[in-house]
């Protein structure tokens, strides 16, 4: 999995939401069994919900790249391609561990 700058930005936004939001940690007395999620689990659940709201595909970026390719103005150096290939290989290797 590649983490994009947009995803990093989304996580930073989530952190600011968590700082502002108070999580209720009180337990109401009851004679029945209850399941209470810890504050951390509640934060993770909220984070997951917020991340799922963001689109996986950045349509604006795709349209821009398509336009540049059609116009012949999109240029990528061999060094950039090689760097991306190496980075991807390292990420894949780390993901297997």
N, C-alpha and C. Protein backbone atom coordinates (compact mmCIF):
# COMPACT_ATOMS: atom_id res chain seq x y z
N UNK A 1 0.84 -1.17 0.00
CA UNK A 1 0.00 0.00 0.00
C UNK A 1 0.89 1.24 0.00
N UNK A 2 0.61 2.15 -0.88
CA UNK A 2 1.34 3.40 -0.95
C UNK A 2 0.53 4.46 -0.21
N UNK A 3 1.18 5.21 0.62
CA UNK A 3 0.51 6.28 1.36
C UNK A 3 0.78 7.58 0.63
N UNK A 4 -0.31 8.21 0.18
CA UNK A 4 -0.17 9.45 -0.58
C UNK A 4 -0.12 10.65 0.35
N UNK A 5 0.29 11.77 -0.21
CA UNK A 5 0.33 13.00 0.58
C UNK A 5 -1.08 13.40 1.01
N UNK A 6 -2.08 13.07 0.19
CA UNK A 6 -3.47 13.37 0.55
C UNK A 6 -3.88 12.57 1.78
N UNK A 7 -3.47 11.30 1.85
CA UNK A 7 -3.80 10.48 3.01
C UNK A 7 -3.11 11.02 4.26
N UNK A 8 -1.88 11.45 4.14
CA UNK A 8 -1.16 12.03 5.27
C UNK A 8 -1.89 13.29 5.74
N UNK A 9 -2.32 14.10 4.80
CA UNK A 9 -3.06 15.31 5.13
C UNK A 9 -4.35 14.97 5.86
N UNK A 10 -5.04 13.91 5.41
CA UNK A 10 -6.28 13.49 6.07
C UNK A 10 -6.03 13.05 7.50
N UNK A 11 -4.94 12.35 7.74
CA UNK A 11 -4.61 11.89 9.09
C UNK A 11 -4.31 13.08 9.99
N UNK A 12 -3.62 14.07 9.46
CA UNK A 12 -3.33 15.28 10.25
C UNK A 12 -4.63 15.97 10.63
N UNK A 13 -5.57 16.02 9.70
CA UNK A 13 -6.88 16.61 10.00
C UNK A 13 -7.59 15.82 11.09
N UNK A 14 -7.48 14.49 11.03
CA UNK A 14 -8.10 13.64 12.04
C UNK A 14 -7.52 13.91 13.42
N UNK A 15 -6.22 14.11 13.49
CA UNK A 15 -5.59 14.37 14.77
C UNK A 15 -6.14 15.64 15.40
N UNK A 16 -6.37 16.65 14.59
CA UNK A 16 -6.92 17.89 15.15
C UNK A 16 -8.35 17.69 15.64
N UNK A 17 -9.10 16.82 14.95
CA UNK A 17 -10.47 16.52 15.39
C UNK A 17 -10.43 15.81 16.73
N UNK A 18 -9.50 14.86 16.90
CA UNK A 18 -9.40 14.12 18.15
C UNK A 18 -9.05 15.03 19.32
N UNK A 19 -8.20 16.00 19.06
CA UNK A 19 -7.81 16.91 20.13
C UNK A 19 -8.99 17.76 20.60
N UNK A 20 -9.89 18.07 19.67
CA UNK A 20 -11.03 18.91 20.00
C UNK A 20 -12.19 18.12 20.60
N UNK A 21 -12.25 16.85 20.27
CA UNK A 21 -13.39 16.03 20.67
C UNK A 21 -13.10 15.29 21.97
N UNK A 22 -14.00 15.36 22.90
CA UNK A 22 -13.87 14.63 24.15
C UNK A 22 -14.60 13.30 24.00
N UNK A 23 -13.96 12.24 24.46
CA UNK A 23 -14.58 10.92 24.40
C UNK A 23 -15.12 10.59 25.79
N UNK A 24 -16.39 10.21 25.85
CA UNK A 24 -17.05 9.91 27.11
C UNK A 24 -16.54 8.57 27.64
N UNK A 25 -15.93 8.59 28.83
CA UNK A 25 -15.35 7.39 29.39
C UNK A 25 -16.08 6.92 30.65
N UNK A 26 -17.21 7.50 30.96
CA UNK A 26 -17.91 7.10 32.17
C UNK A 26 -18.69 5.81 31.94
N UNK A 27 -18.83 5.04 33.00
CA UNK A 27 -19.56 3.78 32.93
C UNK A 27 -20.80 3.90 33.81
N UNK A 28 -21.94 3.63 33.21
CA UNK A 28 -23.18 3.68 33.97
C UNK A 28 -23.35 2.34 34.69
N UNK A 29 -23.68 2.39 35.98
CA UNK A 29 -23.88 1.14 36.70
C UNK A 29 -25.06 0.37 36.11
N UNK A 30 -24.89 -0.93 35.98
CA UNK A 30 -25.93 -1.75 35.40
C UNK A 30 -25.77 -3.17 35.90
N UNK A 31 -26.88 -3.89 35.95
CA UNK A 31 -26.83 -5.27 36.39
C UNK A 31 -26.71 -6.22 35.19
N UNK A 32 -26.73 -5.68 33.99
CA UNK A 32 -26.59 -6.52 32.81
C UNK A 32 -25.19 -6.36 32.25
N UNK A 33 -24.80 -7.33 31.46
CA UNK A 33 -23.50 -7.23 30.81
C UNK A 33 -23.54 -6.15 29.74
N UNK A 34 -22.49 -5.37 29.71
CA UNK A 34 -22.39 -4.34 28.67
C UNK A 34 -21.00 -4.41 28.05
N UNK A 35 -20.94 -3.96 26.84
CA UNK A 35 -19.67 -3.87 26.15
C UNK A 35 -19.35 -2.40 26.01
N UNK A 36 -18.21 -2.01 26.56
CA UNK A 36 -17.80 -0.62 26.46
C UNK A 36 -16.45 -0.57 25.77
N UNK A 37 -16.40 0.18 24.70
CA UNK A 37 -15.17 0.33 23.95
C UNK A 37 -14.29 1.38 24.62
N UNK A 38 -13.01 1.12 24.62
CA UNK A 38 -12.09 2.09 25.21
C UNK A 38 -12.09 3.36 24.37
N UNK A 39 -11.58 4.41 24.93
CA UNK A 39 -11.50 5.69 24.22
C UNK A 39 -10.67 5.54 22.96
N UNK A 40 -9.61 4.75 23.04
CA UNK A 40 -8.73 4.55 21.87
C UNK A 40 -9.48 3.85 20.74
N UNK A 41 -10.26 2.83 21.07
CA UNK A 41 -11.03 2.12 20.05
C UNK A 41 -12.08 3.05 19.44
N UNK A 42 -12.70 3.87 20.25
CA UNK A 42 -13.68 4.81 19.74
C UNK A 42 -13.01 5.81 18.79
N UNK A 43 -11.81 6.26 19.13
CA UNK A 43 -11.07 7.17 18.25
C UNK A 43 -10.73 6.50 16.93
N UNK A 44 -10.28 5.25 16.99
CA UNK A 44 -9.95 4.51 15.78
C UNK A 44 -11.17 4.29 14.90
N UNK A 45 -12.30 4.01 15.52
CA UNK A 45 -13.54 3.83 14.76
C UNK A 45 -13.91 5.13 14.05
N UNK A 46 -13.80 6.24 14.75
CA UNK A 46 -14.10 7.54 14.14
C UNK A 46 -13.13 7.84 13.01
N UNK A 47 -11.86 7.54 13.23
CA UNK A 47 -10.85 7.78 12.19
C UNK A 47 -11.15 6.95 10.95
N UNK A 48 -11.51 5.69 11.14
CA UNK A 48 -11.83 4.82 10.01
C UNK A 48 -13.02 5.37 9.23
N UNK A 49 -14.04 5.80 9.94
CA UNK A 49 -15.22 6.36 9.27
C UNK A 49 -14.86 7.59 8.45
N UNK A 50 -14.01 8.45 9.02
CA UNK A 50 -13.64 9.67 8.31
C UNK A 50 -12.77 9.37 7.10
N UNK A 51 -11.85 8.42 7.22
CA UNK A 51 -10.99 8.06 6.10
C UNK A 51 -11.81 7.45 4.97
N UNK A 52 -12.80 6.64 5.32
CA UNK A 52 -13.64 6.01 4.30
C UNK A 52 -14.47 7.02 3.52
N UNK A 53 -14.66 8.20 4.06
CA UNK A 53 -15.42 9.24 3.36
C UNK A 53 -14.62 9.87 2.22
N UNK A 54 -13.28 9.78 2.28
CA UNK A 54 -12.45 10.37 1.25
C UNK A 54 -12.35 9.43 0.06
N UNK A 55 -12.41 9.98 -1.15
CA UNK A 55 -12.34 9.12 -2.33
C UNK A 55 -10.95 8.51 -2.50
N UNK A 56 -10.92 7.28 -3.05
CA UNK A 56 -9.64 6.62 -3.31
C UNK A 56 -8.95 7.22 -4.52
N UNK A 57 -9.72 7.74 -5.45
CA UNK A 57 -9.17 8.27 -6.69
C UNK A 57 -9.28 9.79 -6.67
N UNK A 58 -8.18 10.43 -7.00
CA UNK A 58 -8.18 11.89 -7.07
C UNK A 58 -8.44 12.28 -8.51
N UNK A 59 -9.71 12.46 -8.84
CA UNK A 59 -10.12 12.73 -10.22
C UNK A 59 -9.44 13.97 -10.79
N UNK A 60 -9.26 15.00 -9.97
CA UNK A 60 -8.62 16.23 -10.47
C UNK A 60 -7.20 15.97 -10.92
N UNK A 61 -6.47 15.16 -10.18
CA UNK A 61 -5.09 14.83 -10.53
C UNK A 61 -5.05 13.99 -11.81
N UNK A 62 -5.96 13.04 -11.93
CA UNK A 62 -6.02 12.19 -13.12
C UNK A 62 -6.31 13.02 -14.36
N UNK A 63 -7.28 13.92 -14.26
CA UNK A 63 -7.63 14.77 -15.41
C UNK A 63 -6.45 15.65 -15.81
N UNK A 64 -5.75 16.19 -14.83
CA UNK A 64 -4.59 17.05 -15.12
C UNK A 64 -3.50 16.25 -15.85
N UNK A 65 -3.22 15.04 -15.36
CA UNK A 65 -2.20 14.21 -15.99
C UNK A 65 -2.60 13.78 -17.41
N UNK A 66 -3.88 13.42 -17.60
CA UNK A 66 -4.35 13.04 -18.93
C UNK A 66 -4.17 14.19 -19.91
N UNK A 67 -4.51 15.39 -19.45
CA UNK A 67 -4.38 16.58 -20.30
C UNK A 67 -2.92 16.80 -20.69
N UNK A 68 -2.02 16.71 -19.69
CA UNK A 68 -0.60 16.93 -19.97
C UNK A 68 -0.04 15.86 -20.90
N UNK A 69 -0.49 14.62 -20.77
CA UNK A 69 -0.03 13.54 -21.65
C UNK A 69 -0.50 13.80 -23.07
N UNK A 70 -1.77 14.20 -23.23
CA UNK A 70 -2.32 14.47 -24.56
C UNK A 70 -1.63 15.66 -25.23
N UNK A 71 -1.27 16.64 -24.44
CA UNK A 71 -0.59 17.82 -24.98
C UNK A 71 0.90 17.58 -25.22
N UNK A 72 1.41 16.48 -24.67
CA UNK A 72 2.83 16.18 -24.84
C UNK A 72 3.73 16.96 -23.90
N UNK A 73 3.15 17.52 -22.85
CA UNK A 73 3.94 18.32 -21.90
C UNK A 73 4.30 17.54 -20.64
N UNK A 74 3.86 16.30 -20.54
CA UNK A 74 4.15 15.49 -19.36
C UNK A 74 5.49 14.79 -19.57
N UNK A 75 6.45 15.15 -18.77
CA UNK A 75 7.80 14.58 -18.88
C UNK A 75 8.22 14.01 -17.53
N UNK A 76 8.74 12.80 -17.57
CA UNK A 76 9.24 12.16 -16.36
C UNK A 76 10.66 11.68 -16.65
N UNK A 77 11.57 12.00 -15.77
CA UNK A 77 12.96 11.57 -15.98
C UNK A 77 13.12 10.10 -15.58
N UNK A 78 14.11 9.48 -16.15
CA UNK A 78 14.42 8.10 -15.80
C UNK A 78 14.78 7.96 -14.34
N UNK A 79 15.41 8.98 -13.76
CA UNK A 79 15.76 8.95 -12.35
C UNK A 79 14.51 8.92 -11.46
N UNK A 80 13.49 9.68 -11.87
CA UNK A 80 12.25 9.68 -11.10
C UNK A 80 11.58 8.31 -11.15
N UNK A 81 11.56 7.70 -12.33
CA UNK A 81 10.97 6.38 -12.49
C UNK A 81 11.73 5.37 -11.64
N UNK A 82 13.05 5.40 -11.70
CA UNK A 82 13.87 4.47 -10.93
C UNK A 82 13.64 4.66 -9.43
N UNK A 83 13.58 5.91 -8.97
CA UNK A 83 13.37 6.18 -7.55
C UNK A 83 12.02 5.62 -7.09
N UNK A 84 10.98 5.81 -7.90
CA UNK A 84 9.65 5.29 -7.55
C UNK A 84 9.66 3.77 -7.49
N UNK A 85 10.36 3.14 -8.45
CA UNK A 85 10.43 1.68 -8.47
C UNK A 85 11.14 1.15 -7.23
N UNK A 86 12.22 1.80 -6.83
CA UNK A 86 12.96 1.38 -5.64
C UNK A 86 12.11 1.59 -4.40
N UNK A 87 11.48 2.74 -4.30
CA UNK A 87 10.62 3.02 -3.14
C UNK A 87 9.50 2.00 -3.04
N UNK A 88 8.87 1.70 -4.18
CA UNK A 88 7.77 0.74 -4.18
C UNK A 88 8.26 -0.64 -3.75
N UNK A 89 9.44 -1.01 -4.22
CA UNK A 89 10.02 -2.30 -3.86
C UNK A 89 10.27 -2.37 -2.35
N UNK A 90 10.79 -1.29 -1.77
CA UNK A 90 11.04 -1.25 -0.33
C UNK A 90 9.75 -1.34 0.46
N UNK A 91 8.73 -0.62 0.02
CA UNK A 91 7.43 -0.65 0.70
C UNK A 91 6.85 -2.05 0.65
N UNK A 92 6.92 -2.69 -0.52
CA UNK A 92 6.41 -4.06 -0.65
C UNK A 92 7.17 -5.01 0.27
N UNK A 93 8.48 -4.85 0.34
CA UNK A 93 9.30 -5.71 1.19
C UNK A 93 8.93 -5.53 2.65
N UNK A 94 8.72 -4.30 3.09
CA UNK A 94 8.34 -4.03 4.48
C UNK A 94 6.95 -4.57 4.78
N UNK A 95 6.06 -4.52 3.81
CA UNK A 95 4.69 -4.98 4.02
C UNK A 95 4.65 -6.50 4.21
N UNK A 96 5.60 -7.21 3.63
CA UNK A 96 5.63 -8.67 3.78
C UNK A 96 6.11 -9.11 5.14
N UNK A 97 6.76 -8.25 5.87
CA UNK A 97 7.33 -8.63 7.18
C UNK A 97 6.32 -8.55 8.27
